[in-house]
Amino acid sequence: MAGYTVSADFDLCESNAVCMGIAPEVFEVREDNFLYVLQEHPPEALLDRVREAVDSCPKRALSLRPTAE
């Protein structure tokens, strides 16, 4: 995969921070209790952890897709 984009559906997200526990470089739940995607295009080295975070989201609010070239 040459590159990828991670995004969140904020209508589904409950800000439970499961993703942040897996990939804190990419996801953060702040004191305002909202999820922030810190890196929409994280480095390839984080791909496995980002996939795990996406797959572990209890609300299926996260997605990972190839970046358009």
PDB file of N, CA and C in Angstrom:
ATOM      1  N   MET A   1       0.854  -1.180   0.000  1.00  0.00           N
ATOM      2  CA  MET A   1       0.000   0.000   0.000  1.00  0.00           C
ATOM      3  C   MET A   1       0.895   1.237   0.000  1.00  0.00           C
ATOM      4  N   ALA A   2       0.784   2.042  -1.018  1.00  0.00           N
ATOM      5  CA  ALA A   2       1.651   3.215  -1.158  1.00  0.00           C
ATOM      6  C   ALA A   2       1.361   4.261  -0.100  1.00  0.00           C
ATOM      7  N   GLY A   3       0.141   4.426   0.267  1.00  0.00           N
ATOM      8  CA  GLY A   3      -0.260   5.385   1.273  1.00  0.00           C
ATOM      9  C   GLY A   3      -1.696   5.115   1.656  1.00  0.00           C
ATOM     10  N   TYR A   4      -2.114   5.642   2.775  1.00  0.00           N
ATOM     11  CA  TYR A   4      -3.470   5.402   3.205  1.00  0.00           C
ATOM     12  C   TYR A   4      -3.970   6.601   4.002  1.00  0.00           C
ATOM     13  N   THR A   5      -5.298   6.666   4.100  1.00  0.00           N
ATOM     14  CA  THR A   5      -5.967   7.737   4.822  1.00  0.00           C
ATOM     15  C   THR A   5      -6.852   7.118   5.882  1.00  0.00           C
ATOM     16  N   VAL A   6      -6.768   7.638   7.080  1.00  0.00           N
ATOM     17  CA  VAL A   6      -7.622   7.187   8.166  1.00  0.00           C
ATOM     18  C   VAL A   6      -8.622   8.301   8.462  1.00  0.00           C
ATOM     19  N   SER A   7      -9.875   7.914   8.691  1.00  0.00           N
ATOM     20  CA  SER A   7     -10.893   8.906   8.993  1.00  0.00           C
ATOM     21  C   SER A   7     -11.866   8.348  10.017  1.00  0.00           C
ATOM     22  N   ALA A   8     -12.635   9.254  10.596  1.00  0.00           N
ATOM     23  CA  ALA A   8     -13.615   8.881  11.616  1.00  0.00           C
ATOM     24  C   ALA A   8     -14.979   9.426  11.233  1.00  0.00           C
ATOM     25  N   ASP A   9     -16.002   8.634  11.483  1.00  0.00           N
ATOM     26  CA  ASP A   9     -17.382   9.088  11.337  1.00  0.00           C
ATOM     27  C   ASP A   9     -17.789   9.596  12.717  1.00  0.00           C
ATOM     28  N   PHE A  10     -17.777  10.900  12.877  1.00  0.00           N
ATOM     29  CA  PHE A  10     -18.010  11.487  14.193  1.00  0.00           C
ATOM     30  C   PHE A  10     -19.464  11.350  14.638  1.00  0.00           C
ATOM     31  N   ASP A  11     -20.377  11.007  13.719  1.00  0.00           N
ATOM     32  CA  ASP A  11     -21.762  10.733  14.112  1.00  0.00           C
ATOM     33  C   ASP A  11     -21.867   9.386  14.821  1.00  0.00           C
ATOM     34  N   LEU A  12     -20.965   8.457  14.495  1.00  0.00           N
ATOM     35  CA  LEU A  12     -20.960   7.135  15.134  1.00  0.00           C
ATOM     36  C   LEU A  12     -20.053   7.073  16.358  1.00  0.00           C
ATOM     37  N   CYS A  13     -18.994   7.870  16.363  1.00  0.00           N
ATOM     38  CA  CYS A  13     -17.965   7.787  17.394  1.00  0.00           C
ATOM     39  C   CYS A  13     -18.516   8.140  18.777  1.00  0.00           C
ATOM     40  N   GLU A  14     -18.177   7.307  19.764  1.00  0.00           N
ATOM     41  CA  GLU A  14     -18.544   7.558  21.159  1.00  0.00           C
ATOM     42  C   GLU A  14     -17.359   8.030  21.991  1.00  0.00           C
ATOM     43  N   SER A  15     -16.240   8.274  21.353  1.00  0.00           N
ATOM     44  CA  SER A  15     -15.029   8.751  22.039  1.00  0.00           C
ATOM     45  C   SER A  15     -14.650   7.860  23.218  1.00  0.00           C
ATOM     46  N   ASN A  16     -14.710   6.560  23.004  1.00  0.00           N
ATOM     47  CA  ASN A  16     -14.373   5.612  24.071  1.00  0.00           C
ATOM     48  C   ASN A  16     -12.874   5.369  24.202  1.00  0.00           C
ATOM     49  N   ALA A  17     -12.085   5.890  23.282  1.00  0.00           N
ATOM     50  CA  ALA A  17     -10.618   5.891  23.333  1.00  0.00           C
ATOM     51  C   ALA A  17      -9.958   4.526  23.127  1.00  0.00           C
ATOM     52  N   VAL A  18     -10.683   3.556  22.630  1.00  0.00           N
ATOM     53  CA  VAL A  18     -10.064   2.269  22.304  1.00  0.00           C
ATOM     54  C   VAL A  18      -8.961   2.487  21.270  1.00  0.00           C
ATOM     55  N   CYS A  19      -9.250   3.277  20.249  1.00  0.00           N
ATOM     56  CA  CYS A  19      -8.269   3.541  19.193  1.00  0.00           C
ATOM     57  C   CYS A  19      -7.046   4.271  19.744  1.00  0.00           C
ATOM     58  N   MET A  20      -7.273   5.194  20.649  1.00  0.00           N
ATOM     59  CA  MET A  20      -6.160   5.938  21.236  1.00  0.00           C
ATOM     60  C   MET A  20      -5.240   5.012  22.028  1.00  0.00           C
ATOM     61  N   GLY A  21      -5.808   4.027  22.688  1.00  0.00           N
ATOM     62  CA  GLY A  21      -4.998   3.069  23.426  1.00  0.00           C
ATOM     63  C   GLY A  21      -4.110   2.227  22.526  1.00  0.00           C
ATOM     64  N   ILE A  22      -4.533   2.025  21.292  1.00  0.00           N
ATOM     65  CA  ILE A  22      -3.784   1.201  20.341  1.00  0.00           C
ATOM     66  C   ILE A  22      -2.794   2.035  19.535  1.00  0.00           C
ATOM     67  N   ALA A  23      -3.216   3.212  19.095  1.00  0.00           N
ATOM     68  CA  ALA A  23      -2.372   4.055  18.232  1.00  0.00           C
ATOM     69  C   ALA A  23      -2.466   5.527  18.677  1.00  0.00           C
ATOM     70  N   PRO A  24      -1.854   5.862  19.818  1.00  0.00           N
ATOM     71  CA  PRO A  24      -1.961   7.233  20.332  1.00  0.00           C
ATOM     72  C   PRO A  24      -1.280   8.283  19.461  1.00  0.00           C
ATOM     73  N   GLU A  25      -0.430   7.855  18.546  1.00  0.00           N
ATOM     74  CA  GLU A  25       0.198   8.799  17.618  1.00  0.00           C
ATOM     75  C   GLU A  25      -0.812   9.297  16.578  1.00  0.00           C
ATOM     76  N   VAL A  26      -1.897   8.548  16.412  1.00  0.00           N
ATOM     77  CA  VAL A  26      -2.866   8.835  15.359  1.00  0.00           C
ATOM     78  C   VAL A  26      -4.204   9.329  15.924  1.00  0.00           C
ATOM     79  N   PHE A  27      -4.603   8.791  17.064  1.00  0.00           N
ATOM     80  CA  PHE A  27      -5.912   9.116  17.648  1.00  0.00           C
ATOM     81  C   PHE A  27      -5.750   9.695  19.045  1.00  0.00           C
ATOM     82  N   GLU A  28      -6.599  10.683  19.356  1.00  0.00           N
ATOM     83  CA  GLU A  28      -6.564  11.269  20.696  1.00  0.00           C
ATOM     84  C   GLU A  28      -7.971  11.688  21.107  1.00  0.00           C
ATOM     85  N   VAL A  29      -8.362  11.293  22.315  1.00  0.00           N
ATOM     86  CA  VAL A  29      -9.589  11.791  22.923  1.00  0.00           C
ATOM     87  C   VAL A  29      -9.145  12.808  23.965  1.00  0.00           C
ATOM     88  N   ARG A  30      -9.589  14.046  23.775  1.00  0.00           N
ATOM     89  CA  ARG A  30      -9.150  15.146  24.632  1.00  0.00           C
ATOM     90  C   ARG A  30     -10.132  15.393  25.768  1.00  0.00           C
ATOM     91  N   GLU A  31      -9.796  16.353  26.599  1.00  0.00           N
ATOM     92  CA  GLU A  31     -10.622  16.680  27.755  1.00  0.00           C
ATOM     93  C   GLU A  31     -12.035  17.097  27.378  1.00  0.00           C
ATOM     94  N   ASP A  32     -12.219  17.561  26.140  1.00  0.00           N
ATOM     95  CA  ASP A  32     -13.570  17.931  25.692  1.00  0.00           C
ATOM     96  C   ASP A  32     -14.397  16.699  25.314  1.00  0.00           C
ATOM     97  N   ASN A  33     -13.795  15.504  25.462  1.00  0.00           N
ATOM     98  CA  ASN A  33     -14.438  14.210  25.216  1.00  0.00           C
ATOM     99  C   ASN A  33     -14.766  13.985  23.737  1.00  0.00           C
ATOM    100  N   PHE A  34     -13.958  14.568  22.860  1.00  0.00           N
ATOM    101  CA  PHE A  34     -14.103  14.343  21.427  1.00  0.00           C
ATOM    102  C   PHE A  34     -12.840  13.662  20.895  1.00  0.00           C
ATOM    103  N   LEU A  35     -13.052  12.815  19.895  1.00  0.00           N
ATOM    104  CA  LEU A  35     -11.935  12.160  19.221  1.00  0.00           C
ATOM    105  C   LEU A  35     -11.327  13.103  18.195  1.00  0.00           C
ATOM    106  N   TYR A  36     -10.007  13.121  18.149  1.00  0.00           N
ATOM    107  CA  TYR A  36      -9.265  13.866  17.139  1.00  0.00           C
ATOM    108  C   TYR A  36      -8.373  12.895  16.387  1.00  0.00           C
ATOM    109  N   VAL A  37      -8.393  12.988  15.067  1.00  0.00           N
ATOM    110  CA  VAL A  37      -7.474  12.213  14.246  1.00  0.00           C
ATOM    111  C   VAL A  37      -6.250  13.101  14.064  1.00  0.00           C
ATOM    112  N   LEU A  38      -5.158  12.736  14.707  1.00  0.00           N
ATOM    113  CA  LEU A  38      -3.953  13.555  14.705  1.00  0.00           C
ATOM    114  C   LEU A  38      -3.192  13.480  13.394  1.00  0.00           C
ATOM    115  N   GLN A  39      -3.280  12.332  12.740  1.00  0.00           N
ATOM    116  CA  GLN A  39      -2.581  12.128  11.469  1.00  0.00           C
ATOM    117  C   GLN A  39      -3.531  11.422  10.510  1.00  0.00           C
ATOM    118  N   GLU A  40      -4.055  12.144   9.550  1.00  0.00           N
ATOM    119  CA  GLU A  40      -4.928  11.512   8.562  1.00  0.00           C
ATOM    120  C   GLU A  40      -4.148  10.614   7.618  1.00  0.00           C
ATOM    121  N   HIS A  41      -2.865  10.907   7.462  1.00  0.00           N
ATOM    122  CA  HIS A  41      -1.989  10.110   6.588  1.00  0.00           C
ATOM    123  C   HIS A  41      -0.774   9.667   7.405  1.00  0.00           C
ATOM    124  N   PRO A  42      -0.977   8.761   8.368  1.00  0.00           N
ATOM    125  CA  PRO A  42       0.144   8.346   9.204  1.00  0.00           C
ATOM    126  C   PRO A  42       1.189   7.559   8.411  1.00  0.00           C
ATOM    127  N   PRO A  43       2.398   7.492   8.937  1.00  0.00           N
ATOM    128  CA  PRO A  43       3.464   6.777   8.230  1.00  0.00           C
ATOM    129  C   PRO A  43       3.176   5.278   8.116  1.00  0.00           C
ATOM    130  N   GLU A  44       3.746   4.703   7.100  1.00  0.00           N
ATOM    131  CA  GLU A  44       3.570   3.268   6.819  1.00  0.00           C
ATOM    132  C   GLU A  44       3.934   2.396   8.026  1.00  0.00           C
ATOM    133  N   ALA A  45       4.876   2.846   8.828  1.00  0.00           N
ATOM    134  CA  ALA A  45       5.309   2.078  10.000  1.00  0.00           C
ATOM    135  C   ALA A  45       4.179   1.866  11.014  1.00  0.00           C
ATOM    136  N   LEU A  46       3.149   2.699  10.964  1.00  0.00           N
ATOM    137  CA  LEU A  46       2.029   2.569  11.903  1.00  0.00           C
ATOM    138  C   LEU A  46       0.849   1.794  11.330  1.00  0.00           C
ATOM    139  N   LEU A  47       0.971   1.322  10.101  1.00  0.00           N
ATOM    140  CA  LEU A  47      -0.153   0.678   9.417  1.00  0.00           C
ATOM    141  C   LEU A  47      -0.780  -0.457  10.222  1.00  0.00           C
ATOM    142  N   ASP A  48       0.013  -1.349  10.773  1.00  0.00           N
ATOM    143  CA  ASP A  48      -0.543  -2.486  11.517  1.00  0.00           C
ATOM    144  C   ASP A  48      -1.345  -2.019  12.734  1.00  0.00           C
ATOM    145  N   ARG A  49      -0.830  -1.030  13.451  1.00  0.00           N
ATOM    146  CA  ARG A  49      -1.533  -0.538  14.635  1.00  0.00           C
ATOM    147  C   ARG A  49      -2.788   0.243  14.258  1.00  0.00           C
ATOM    148  N   VAL A  50      -2.730   0.991  13.166  1.00  0.00           N
ATOM    149  CA  VAL A  50      -3.920   1.722  12.710  1.00  0.00           C
ATOM    150  C   VAL A  50      -4.993   0.726  12.284  1.00  0.00           C
ATOM    151  N   ARG A  51      -4.602  -0.317  11.565  1.00  0.00           N
ATOM    152  CA  ARG A  51      -5.580  -1.358  11.186  1.00  0.00           C
ATOM    153  C   ARG A  51      -6.209  -1.985  12.426  1.00  0.00           C
ATOM    154  N   GLU A  52      -5.392  -2.273  13.429  1.00  0.00           N
ATOM    155  CA  GLU A  52      -5.910  -2.855  14.672  1.00  0.00           C
ATOM    156  C   GLU A  52      -6.894  -1.891  15.334  1.00  0.00           C
ATOM    157  N   ALA A  53      -6.570  -0.611  15.361  1.00  0.00           N
ATOM    158  CA  ALA A  53      -7.463   0.385  15.960  1.00  0.00           C
ATOM    159  C   ALA A  53      -8.786   0.453  15.200  1.00  0.00           C
ATOM    160  N   VAL A  54      -8.720   0.476  13.878  1.00  0.00           N
ATOM    161  CA  VAL A  54      -9.930   0.514  13.056  1.00  0.00           C
ATOM    162  C   VAL A  54     -10.772  -0.721  13.321  1.00  0.00           C
ATOM    163  N   ASP A  55     -10.144  -1.891  13.333  1.00  0.00           N
ATOM    164  CA  ASP A  55     -10.867  -3.151  13.554  1.00  0.00           C
ATOM    165  C   ASP A  55     -11.416  -3.271  14.974  1.00  0.00           C
ATOM    166  N   SER A  56     -10.817  -2.575  15.932  1.00  0.00           N
ATOM    167  CA  SER A  56     -11.218  -2.683  17.334  1.00  0.00           C
ATOM    168  C   SER A  56     -12.284  -1.671  17.747  1.00  0.00           C
ATOM    169  N   CYS A  57     -12.599  -0.741  16.885  1.00  0.00           N
ATOM    170  CA  CYS A  57     -13.588   0.285  17.233  1.00  0.00           C
ATOM    171  C   CYS A  57     -14.954  -0.371  17.457  1.00  0.00           C
ATOM    172  N   PRO A  58     -15.498  -0.261  18.666  1.00  0.00           N
ATOM    173  CA  PRO A  58     -16.775  -0.928  18.946  1.00  0.00           C
ATOM    174  C   PRO A  58     -17.954  -0.353  18.160  1.00  0.00           C
ATOM    175  N   LYS A  59     -17.857   0.876  17.707  1.00  0.00           N
ATOM    176  CA  LYS A  59     -18.938   1.501  16.935  1.00  0.00           C
ATOM    177  C   LYS A  59     -18.678   1.490  15.432  1.00  0.00           C
ATOM    178  N   ARG A  60     -17.550   0.926  15.008  1.00  0.00           N
ATOM    179  CA  ARG A  60     -17.167   0.889  13.589  1.00  0.00           C
ATOM    180  C   ARG A  60     -17.161   2.299  12.993  1.00  0.00           C
ATOM    181  N   ALA A  61     -16.652   3.252  13.777  1.00  0.00           N
ATOM    182  CA  ALA A  61     -16.638   4.650  13.363  1.00  0.00           C
ATOM    183  C   ALA A  61     -15.375   5.034  12.598  1.00  0.00           C
ATOM    184  N   LEU A  62     -14.401   4.134  12.529  1.00  0.00           N
ATOM    185  CA  LEU A  62     -13.131   4.443  11.869  1.00  0.00           C
ATOM    186  C   LEU A  62     -13.026   3.716  10.542  1.00  0.00           C
ATOM    187  N   SER A  63     -12.331   4.350   9.603  1.00  0.00           N
ATOM    188  CA  SER A  63     -12.099   3.690   8.318  1.00  0.00           C
ATOM    189  C   SER A  63     -10.668   3.957   7.864  1.00  0.00           C
ATOM    190  N   LEU A  64     -10.183   3.051   7.049  1.00  0.00           N
ATOM    191  CA  LEU A  64      -8.844   3.115   6.488  1.00  0.00           C
ATOM    192  C   LEU A  64      -8.978   2.803   5.010  1.00  0.00           C
ATOM    193  N   ARG A  65      -8.456   3.692   4.176  1.00  0.00           N
ATOM    194  CA  ARG A  65      -8.576   3.464   2.730  1.00  0.00           C
ATOM    195  C   ARG A  65      -7.289   3.911   2.039  1.00  0.00           C
ATOM    196  N   PRO A  66      -7.011   3.325   0.893  1.00  0.00           N
ATOM    197  CA  PRO A  66      -5.832   3.750   0.142  1.00  0.00           C
ATOM    198  C   PRO A  66      -5.959   5.212  -0.257  1.00  0.00           C
ATOM    199  N   THR A  67      -4.844   5.905  -0.223  1.00  0.00           N
ATOM    200  CA  THR A  67      -4.818   7.296  -0.631  1.00  0.00           C
ATOM    201  C   THR A  67      -4.813   7.360  -2.152  1.00  0.00           C
ATOM    202  N   ALA A  68      -5.641   8.219  -2.684  1.00  0.00           N
ATOM    203  CA  ALA A  68      -5.682   8.403  -4.146  1.00  0.00           C
ATOM    204  C   ALA A  68      -4.348   8.983  -4.601  1.00  0.00           C
ATOM    205  N   GLU A  69      -3.824   8.450  -5.661  1.00  0.00           N
ATOM    206  CA  GLU A  69      -2.535   8.914  -6.179  1.00  0.00           C
ATOM    207  C   GLU A  69      -2.690   9.846  -7.336  1.00  0.00           C
TER     208      GLU A  69
END
